[in-house]
């Protein structure tokens, strides 16, 4: 995947993850953006070779939820 393709993928994926955060946590857009962008998940998602970009928005939210609850990043076996 080229850098441009990766950036494009993230540009499509991130708003979907933010929407799941809003729906699941009943928070504002601003709060959802903050929760995602300060997370360890986002830092890993920004790295193409982690292949986290291939997970669904809901799967990414579930990883984020575990991180917010426990402070630990727990990735699915296939990630």
N, C-alpha and C. Protein backbone atom coordinates (compact mmCIF):
# COMPACT_ATOMS: atom_id res chain seq x y z
N UNK A 1 0.85 -1.17 0.00
CA UNK A 1 0.00 0.00 0.00
C UNK A 1 0.90 1.23 0.00
N UNK A 2 0.63 2.15 -0.89
CA UNK A 2 1.41 3.38 -0.93
C UNK A 2 1.01 4.30 0.22
N UNK A 3 1.83 5.28 0.48
CA UNK A 3 1.55 6.25 1.54
C UNK A 3 0.24 7.00 1.24
N UNK A 4 0.02 7.35 -0.01
CA UNK A 4 -1.20 8.06 -0.38
C UNK A 4 -2.43 7.18 -0.16
N UNK A 5 -2.33 5.91 -0.54
CA UNK A 5 -3.44 4.98 -0.32
C UNK A 5 -3.73 4.80 1.17
N UNK A 6 -2.67 4.71 1.95
CA UNK A 6 -2.83 4.54 3.38
C UNK A 6 -3.50 5.76 4.00
N UNK A 7 -3.04 6.94 3.66
CA UNK A 7 -3.64 8.18 4.19
C UNK A 7 -5.10 8.28 3.78
N UNK A 8 -5.40 7.91 2.55
CA UNK A 8 -6.79 7.93 2.07
C UNK A 8 -7.66 6.95 2.86
N UNK A 9 -7.12 5.79 3.13
CA UNK A 9 -7.85 4.79 3.91
C UNK A 9 -8.15 5.33 5.31
N UNK A 10 -7.16 5.94 5.94
CA UNK A 10 -7.38 6.51 7.27
C UNK A 10 -8.41 7.63 7.22
N UNK A 11 -8.36 8.45 6.18
CA UNK A 11 -9.31 9.56 6.06
C UNK A 11 -10.75 9.05 5.95
N UNK A 12 -10.94 7.88 5.42
CA UNK A 12 -12.28 7.29 5.34
C UNK A 12 -12.64 6.56 6.64
N UNK A 13 -11.66 5.92 7.25
CA UNK A 13 -11.91 5.08 8.42
C UNK A 13 -12.14 5.88 9.70
N UNK A 14 -11.34 6.89 9.92
CA UNK A 14 -11.39 7.64 11.18
C UNK A 14 -12.78 8.21 11.47
N UNK A 15 -13.44 8.88 10.51
CA UNK A 15 -14.80 9.38 10.82
C UNK A 15 -15.78 8.27 11.20
N UNK A 16 -15.62 7.09 10.61
CA UNK A 16 -16.49 5.98 10.97
C UNK A 16 -16.24 5.51 12.41
N UNK A 17 -14.98 5.48 12.80
CA UNK A 17 -14.64 5.10 14.18
C UNK A 17 -15.18 6.15 15.15
N UNK A 18 -15.04 7.41 14.80
CA UNK A 18 -15.54 8.49 15.65
C UNK A 18 -17.05 8.36 15.81
N UNK A 19 -17.75 8.01 14.75
CA UNK A 19 -19.20 7.84 14.86
C UNK A 19 -19.56 6.70 15.79
N UNK A 20 -18.82 5.62 15.75
CA UNK A 20 -19.07 4.51 16.67
C UNK A 20 -18.83 4.96 18.11
N UNK A 21 -17.78 5.73 18.35
CA UNK A 21 -17.50 6.24 19.70
C UNK A 21 -18.67 7.09 20.18
N UNK A 22 -19.16 7.97 19.33
CA UNK A 22 -20.31 8.83 19.67
C UNK A 22 -21.51 7.97 20.03
N UNK A 23 -21.80 6.98 19.21
CA UNK A 23 -22.97 6.13 19.43
C UNK A 23 -22.84 5.28 20.69
N UNK A 24 -21.68 4.69 20.90
CA UNK A 24 -21.50 3.76 22.02
C UNK A 24 -21.32 4.47 23.37
N UNK A 25 -20.67 5.63 23.34
CA UNK A 25 -20.37 6.33 24.59
C UNK A 25 -21.27 7.53 24.85
N UNK A 26 -22.12 7.84 23.87
CA UNK A 26 -23.04 8.97 24.01
C UNK A 26 -22.28 10.26 24.35
N UNK A 27 -21.26 10.55 23.55
CA UNK A 27 -20.45 11.75 23.74
C UNK A 27 -20.54 12.64 22.51
N UNK A 28 -20.06 13.87 22.65
CA UNK A 28 -20.06 14.81 21.53
C UNK A 28 -18.98 14.42 20.53
N UNK A 29 -19.07 15.02 19.36
CA UNK A 29 -18.05 14.80 18.33
C UNK A 29 -16.68 15.19 18.87
N UNK A 30 -16.60 16.33 19.53
CA UNK A 30 -15.32 16.81 20.06
C UNK A 30 -14.74 15.82 21.06
N UNK A 31 -15.58 15.33 21.96
CA UNK A 31 -15.11 14.36 22.96
C UNK A 31 -14.67 13.06 22.29
N UNK A 32 -15.41 12.61 21.29
CA UNK A 32 -15.05 11.39 20.58
C UNK A 32 -13.71 11.53 19.87
N UNK A 33 -13.52 12.68 19.23
CA UNK A 33 -12.24 12.94 18.54
C UNK A 33 -11.10 12.93 19.55
N UNK A 34 -11.30 13.59 20.68
CA UNK A 34 -10.26 13.61 21.71
C UNK A 34 -9.94 12.20 22.20
N UNK A 35 -10.97 11.42 22.48
CA UNK A 35 -10.75 10.06 22.97
C UNK A 35 -9.93 9.24 21.99
N UNK A 36 -10.24 9.38 20.71
CA UNK A 36 -9.50 8.61 19.71
C UNK A 36 -8.08 9.13 19.53
N UNK A 37 -7.94 10.44 19.33
CA UNK A 37 -6.63 10.98 18.96
C UNK A 37 -5.59 10.93 20.08
N UNK A 38 -6.02 10.85 21.33
CA UNK A 38 -5.03 10.75 22.41
C UNK A 38 -4.73 9.30 22.80
N UNK A 39 -5.38 8.38 22.13
CA UNK A 39 -5.24 6.97 22.50
C UNK A 39 -3.98 6.32 21.92
N UNK A 40 -3.58 5.27 22.58
CA UNK A 40 -2.50 4.44 22.05
C UNK A 40 -2.93 3.74 20.78
N UNK A 41 -4.22 3.42 20.69
CA UNK A 41 -4.75 2.81 19.47
C UNK A 41 -4.49 3.70 18.27
N UNK A 42 -4.77 4.98 18.39
CA UNK A 42 -4.57 5.88 17.26
C UNK A 42 -3.10 5.92 16.85
N UNK A 43 -2.22 5.94 17.83
CA UNK A 43 -0.78 5.95 17.52
C UNK A 43 -0.38 4.72 16.71
N UNK A 44 -0.97 3.57 17.05
CA UNK A 44 -0.69 2.34 16.30
C UNK A 44 -1.40 2.34 14.94
N UNK A 45 -2.61 2.90 14.90
CA UNK A 45 -3.37 2.96 13.66
C UNK A 45 -2.67 3.80 12.61
N UNK A 46 -1.92 4.80 13.04
CA UNK A 46 -1.18 5.67 12.13
C UNK A 46 -0.02 4.97 11.43
N UNK A 47 0.34 3.80 11.92
CA UNK A 47 1.47 3.05 11.35
C UNK A 47 0.91 1.98 10.42
N UNK A 48 1.16 2.14 9.14
CA UNK A 48 0.57 1.24 8.14
C UNK A 48 0.92 -0.22 8.39
N UNK A 49 2.13 -0.50 8.79
CA UNK A 49 2.56 -1.90 8.92
C UNK A 49 1.87 -2.65 10.07
N UNK A 50 1.17 -1.92 10.97
CA UNK A 50 0.40 -2.62 12.01
C UNK A 50 -0.83 -3.31 11.43
N UNK A 51 -1.26 -2.86 10.25
CA UNK A 51 -2.41 -3.41 9.54
C UNK A 51 -3.73 -3.25 10.31
N UNK A 52 -3.76 -2.38 11.31
CA UNK A 52 -5.00 -2.15 12.04
C UNK A 52 -6.06 -1.49 11.18
N UNK A 53 -5.64 -0.83 10.12
CA UNK A 53 -6.57 -0.16 9.23
C UNK A 53 -7.52 -1.13 8.55
N UNK A 54 -7.21 -2.41 8.55
CA UNK A 54 -8.10 -3.38 7.90
C UNK A 54 -9.25 -3.81 8.80
N UNK A 55 -9.20 -3.44 10.09
CA UNK A 55 -10.28 -3.80 11.01
C UNK A 55 -11.49 -2.89 10.81
N UNK A 56 -12.64 -3.37 11.18
CA UNK A 56 -13.86 -2.57 11.06
C UNK A 56 -13.87 -1.45 12.10
N UNK A 57 -14.66 -0.41 11.87
CA UNK A 57 -14.79 0.65 12.87
C UNK A 57 -15.23 0.11 14.23
N UNK A 58 -16.14 -0.86 14.23
CA UNK A 58 -16.58 -1.44 15.50
C UNK A 58 -15.46 -2.20 16.19
N UNK A 59 -14.68 -2.96 15.45
CA UNK A 59 -13.55 -3.68 16.04
C UNK A 59 -12.53 -2.70 16.61
N UNK A 60 -12.29 -1.61 15.91
CA UNK A 60 -11.36 -0.59 16.41
C UNK A 60 -11.92 0.06 17.68
N UNK A 61 -13.22 0.31 17.69
CA UNK A 61 -13.84 0.87 18.90
C UNK A 61 -13.66 -0.10 20.08
N UNK A 62 -13.85 -1.37 19.85
CA UNK A 62 -13.72 -2.35 20.93
C UNK A 62 -12.30 -2.35 21.50
N UNK A 63 -11.31 -2.19 20.65
CA UNK A 63 -9.92 -2.07 21.12
C UNK A 63 -9.78 -0.80 21.96
N UNK A 64 -10.34 0.29 21.46
CA UNK A 64 -10.28 1.57 22.18
C UNK A 64 -10.99 1.46 23.53
N UNK A 65 -12.14 0.82 23.55
CA UNK A 65 -12.90 0.68 24.79
C UNK A 65 -12.09 -0.08 25.84
N UNK A 66 -11.44 -1.15 25.42
CA UNK A 66 -10.59 -1.90 26.36
C UNK A 66 -9.45 -1.02 26.86
N UNK A 67 -8.85 -0.26 25.94
CA UNK A 67 -7.76 0.64 26.34
C UNK A 67 -8.25 1.67 27.36
N UNK A 68 -9.41 2.27 27.11
CA UNK A 68 -9.94 3.29 28.01
C UNK A 68 -10.33 2.70 29.35
N UNK A 69 -10.78 1.46 29.35
CA UNK A 69 -11.21 0.79 30.58
C UNK A 69 -10.04 0.25 31.40
N UNK A 70 -9.07 -0.34 30.72
CA UNK A 70 -7.98 -1.03 31.44
C UNK A 70 -6.63 -0.33 31.35
N UNK A 71 -6.50 0.57 30.37
CA UNK A 71 -5.21 1.20 30.14
C UNK A 71 -4.27 0.35 29.30
N UNK A 72 -4.79 -0.78 28.80
CA UNK A 72 -3.96 -1.69 28.00
C UNK A 72 -4.48 -1.79 26.58
N UNK A 73 -3.58 -1.89 25.64
CA UNK A 73 -3.95 -2.13 24.24
C UNK A 73 -3.98 -3.63 24.02
N UNK A 74 -5.13 -4.13 23.64
CA UNK A 74 -5.30 -5.54 23.38
C UNK A 74 -5.81 -5.69 21.97
N UNK A 75 -5.01 -6.30 21.11
CA UNK A 75 -5.36 -6.44 19.72
C UNK A 75 -5.89 -7.83 19.42
N UNK A 76 -6.81 -7.93 18.46
CA UNK A 76 -7.29 -9.26 18.06
C UNK A 76 -6.14 -10.09 17.52
N UNK A 77 -6.28 -11.37 17.59
CA UNK A 77 -5.23 -12.28 17.13
C UNK A 77 -4.84 -12.02 15.69
N UNK A 78 -5.84 -11.71 14.82
CA UNK A 78 -5.54 -11.50 13.41
C UNK A 78 -4.93 -10.15 13.12
N UNK A 79 -4.86 -9.24 14.09
CA UNK A 79 -4.31 -7.90 13.84
C UNK A 79 -2.81 -7.90 13.87
